[in-house]
Amino acid sequence: MSFGLKNAPATFQRFIHEVLRGLDFIFPYLDDILIASKSNQEHEIHLNLVLERLNTFGLRIYISKSVFAVEEIEFLGYLITPQEYRPLPDKVQAIMNYKRPENIQDLRTFLGILNFYCRYLKIASKNQALLHEYLKGPKKDKRKIQWTDEAEKQFEKGKNDLANATLLSFPNS
């Protein structure tokens, strides 16, 4: 598939879903495929099924970029284990070290990073409401922010809420 085409990612994602249709133990995202298995024996069976499907459709994998039969893995910004999934520690640390934004562009970046993990943040929209108010008005990204004490508290609360986030568990299956 040609790089740079506007609809290429969506088209490729649909294709991968079609290739792997019916395999309820996989989680594909573009060219990343997570295979969830309960045992090494089951993983071997699952892996063979996926490889057969990929081969049938003329797709290849790069062994050097692949990870097999591990108890935990980093996938799409999360650390996934058999019991839970949580934000990657280095991503949480990056948010904790984030300096108070000075302009709208920096605030928009911070909120985007924070909201990637919003499922871990209780009532995030309420707790970030004042920060989102700063985004209203002229769309000039370099517009300086006039911080209030309350906005400063919301900024710090957002960082601390993520650092102290409850881990999410998988439902019993």
Protein backbone atom coordinates (compact mmCIF):
# COMPACT_ATOMS: atom_id res chain seq x y z
CA MET A 1 0.00 0.00 0.00
CA SER A 2 1.32 3.44 -0.87
CA PHE A 3 2.49 5.60 2.01
CA GLY A 4 0.94 9.01 2.41
CA LEU A 5 -2.47 8.23 0.96
CA LYS A 6 -5.16 9.87 3.07
CA ASN A 7 -7.20 6.72 3.66
CA ALA A 8 -4.31 4.23 3.72
CA PRO A 9 -4.32 3.57 7.49
CA ALA A 10 -8.09 2.96 7.61
CA THR A 11 -7.97 0.77 4.51
CA PHE A 12 -5.10 -1.29 5.90
CA GLN A 13 -6.85 -1.64 9.28
CA ARG A 14 -9.99 -2.97 7.56
CA PHE A 15 -7.84 -5.39 5.57
CA ILE A 16 -6.10 -6.70 8.71
CA HIS A 17 -9.48 -7.14 10.42
CA GLU A 18 -10.69 -9.11 7.41
CA VAL A 19 -7.56 -11.28 7.40
CA LEU A 20 -7.94 -12.07 11.12
CA ARG A 21 -11.75 -12.25 11.24
CA GLY A 22 -13.09 -14.79 13.73
CA LEU A 23 -9.94 -15.01 15.84
CA ASP A 24 -11.28 -13.64 19.11
CA PHE A 25 -7.92 -13.86 20.88
CA ILE A 26 -6.20 -11.19 18.79
CA PHE A 27 -6.12 -7.42 19.05
CA PRO A 28 -4.81 -5.91 15.82
CA TYR A 29 -3.87 -2.28 15.35
CA LEU A 30 -2.47 -1.58 11.90
CA ASP A 31 0.66 -3.74 11.71
CA ASP A 32 0.76 -4.55 15.44
CA ILE A 33 -1.05 -7.73 16.45
CA LEU A 34 -1.46 -8.71 20.08
CA ILE A 35 -2.24 -12.38 20.68
CA ALA A 36 -3.77 -13.12 24.10
CA SER A 37 -3.41 -16.69 25.32
CA LYS A 38 -3.89 -18.38 28.69
CA SER A 39 -1.02 -20.86 28.39
CA ASN A 40 2.08 -21.54 26.32
CA GLN A 41 0.32 -24.42 24.57
CA GLU A 42 -2.65 -22.23 23.70
CA HIS A 43 -0.29 -19.47 22.57
CA GLU A 44 1.44 -21.85 20.17
CA ILE A 45 -1.93 -22.83 18.67
CA HIS A 46 -3.02 -19.18 18.42
CA LEU A 47 0.29 -18.14 16.89
CA ASN A 48 0.09 -20.87 14.25
CA LEU A 49 -3.46 -19.81 13.33
CA VAL A 50 -2.41 -16.17 12.95
CA LEU A 51 0.69 -17.05 10.92
CA GLU A 52 -1.38 -19.29 8.63
CA ARG A 53 -3.87 -16.47 8.03
CA LEU A 54 -1.12 -13.96 7.33
CA ASN A 55 0.55 -16.39 4.93
CA THR A 56 -2.75 -17.09 3.13
CA PHE A 57 -3.08 -13.38 2.40
CA GLY A 58 0.56 -12.98 1.39
CA LEU A 59 1.58 -11.05 4.50
CA ARG A 60 4.90 -11.49 6.27
CA ILE A 61 6.16 -10.60 9.71
CA TYR A 62 9.58 -9.42 10.78
CA ILE A 63 10.81 -11.79 13.47
CA SER A 64 13.27 -9.12 14.66
CA LYS A 65 10.34 -6.81 15.47
CA SER A 66 8.24 -9.54 17.09
CA VAL A 67 7.86 -10.64 20.70
CA PHE A 68 6.47 -14.07 21.54
CA ALA A 69 5.14 -15.82 24.66
CA VAL A 70 5.73 -13.12 27.26
CA GLU A 71 3.86 -12.48 30.52
CA GLU A 72 3.80 -8.71 30.02
CA ILE A 73 4.15 -6.47 27.02
CA GLU A 74 4.04 -2.81 26.07
CA PHE A 75 1.26 -2.30 23.53
CA LEU A 76 -0.15 0.99 22.26
CA GLY A 77 0.96 3.01 25.29
CA TYR A 78 -0.01 0.45 27.93
CA LEU A 79 1.76 -2.21 29.95
CA ILE A 80 -0.38 -5.33 29.65
CA THR A 81 -0.08 -8.27 32.04
CA PRO A 82 -2.38 -11.27 32.56
CA GLN A 83 -4.08 -9.46 35.46
CA GLU A 84 -4.26 -5.81 34.38
CA TYR A 85 -3.28 -3.06 32.05
CA ARG A 86 -1.92 0.33 33.04
CA PRO A 87 -0.20 3.36 31.56
CA LEU A 88 3.48 2.88 30.79
CA PRO A 89 5.55 4.11 33.73
CA ASP A 90 7.73 6.31 31.50
CA LYS A 91 4.61 7.99 30.08
CA VAL A 92 3.31 8.67 33.59
CA GLN A 93 6.71 10.06 34.56
CA ALA A 94 6.73 12.32 31.50
CA ILE A 95 3.37 13.74 32.57
CA MET A 96 4.57 14.19 36.15
CA ASN A 97 7.59 16.13 34.85
CA TYR A 98 5.51 18.25 32.47
CA LYS A 99 6.09 21.92 33.11
CA ARG A 100 3.15 24.24 33.44
CA PRO A 101 2.17 25.21 29.89
CA GLU A 102 2.85 28.82 28.98
CA ASN A 103 0.70 29.00 25.86
CA ILE A 104 -2.37 27.40 24.31
CA GLN A 105 -0.40 25.03 22.10
CA ASP A 106 1.48 23.60 25.10
CA LEU A 107 -1.74 23.27 27.10
CA ARG A 108 -3.45 21.50 24.21
CA THR A 109 -0.50 19.08 24.03
CA PHE A 110 -0.65 18.41 27.78
CA LEU A 111 -4.40 17.78 27.75
CA GLY A 112 -4.04 15.47 24.76
CA ILE A 113 -1.41 13.38 26.55
CA LEU A 114 -3.43 13.32 29.76
CA ASN A 115 -6.68 12.45 28.00
CA PHE A 116 -5.07 9.49 26.22
CA TYR A 117 -5.31 7.84 29.65
CA CYS A 118 -8.67 9.36 30.63
CA ARG A 119 -10.18 5.94 31.44
CA TYR A 120 -7.97 5.97 34.54
CA LEU A 121 -9.06 9.43 35.64
CA LYS A 122 -12.25 9.83 37.65
CA ILE A 123 -14.48 12.67 36.43
CA ALA A 124 -11.66 13.95 34.22
CA SER A 125 -13.91 16.37 32.35
CA LYS A 126 -14.96 18.06 35.58
CA ASN A 127 -11.43 18.11 36.97
CA GLN A 128 -10.05 19.63 33.75
CA ALA A 129 -12.92 22.00 32.98
CA LEU A 130 -11.02 25.17 33.84
CA LEU A 131 -8.05 24.08 31.74
CA HIS A 132 -10.35 23.52 28.77
CA GLU A 133 -11.77 27.03 29.24
CA TYR A 134 -8.34 28.38 28.29
CA LEU A 135 -8.70 26.73 24.89
CA LYS A 136 -11.72 28.87 24.05
CA GLY A 137 -11.40 32.19 22.32
CA PRO A 138 -8.89 33.18 19.65
CA LYS A 139 -7.27 30.15 18.05
CA LYS A 140 -3.77 31.57 18.29
CA ASP A 141 -1.64 28.71 19.59
CA LYS A 142 1.06 31.00 20.97
CA ARG A 143 -1.45 32.96 23.06
CA LYS A 144 -0.10 33.19 26.61
CA ILE A 145 -2.07 31.69 29.49
CA GLN A 146 -2.92 33.80 32.53
CA TRP A 147 -2.86 31.13 35.22
CA THR A 148 -5.11 31.36 38.26
CA ASP A 149 -4.57 29.47 41.50
CA GLU A 150 -7.55 27.24 40.73
CA ALA A 151 -6.27 26.43 37.22
CA GLU A 152 -2.86 25.65 38.68
CA LYS A 153 -4.53 23.23 41.11
CA GLN A 154 -6.39 21.50 38.25
CA PHE A 155 -3.15 21.18 36.28
CA GLU A 156 -1.37 19.54 39.23
CA LYS A 157 -4.43 17.41 40.05
CA GLY A 158 -4.48 16.01 36.53
CA LYS A 159 -0.86 14.93 36.84
CA ASN A 160 -1.32 13.48 40.32
CA ASP A 161 -4.54 11.68 39.41
CA LEU A 162 -2.73 9.81 36.65
CA ALA A 163 0.25 9.01 38.88
CA ASN A 164 -2.12 7.57 41.49
CA ALA A 165 -4.52 5.98 39.00
CA THR A 166 -6.31 2.79 39.86
CA LEU A 167 -5.13 -0.11 37.75
CA LEU A 168 -7.70 -1.55 35.40
CA SER A 169 -8.29 -5.30 35.57
CA PHE A 170 -9.58 -7.59 32.89
CA PRO A 171 -13.05 -9.06 33.50
CA ASN A 172 -13.15 -12.73 34.42
CA SER A 173 -13.60 -14.81 31.30
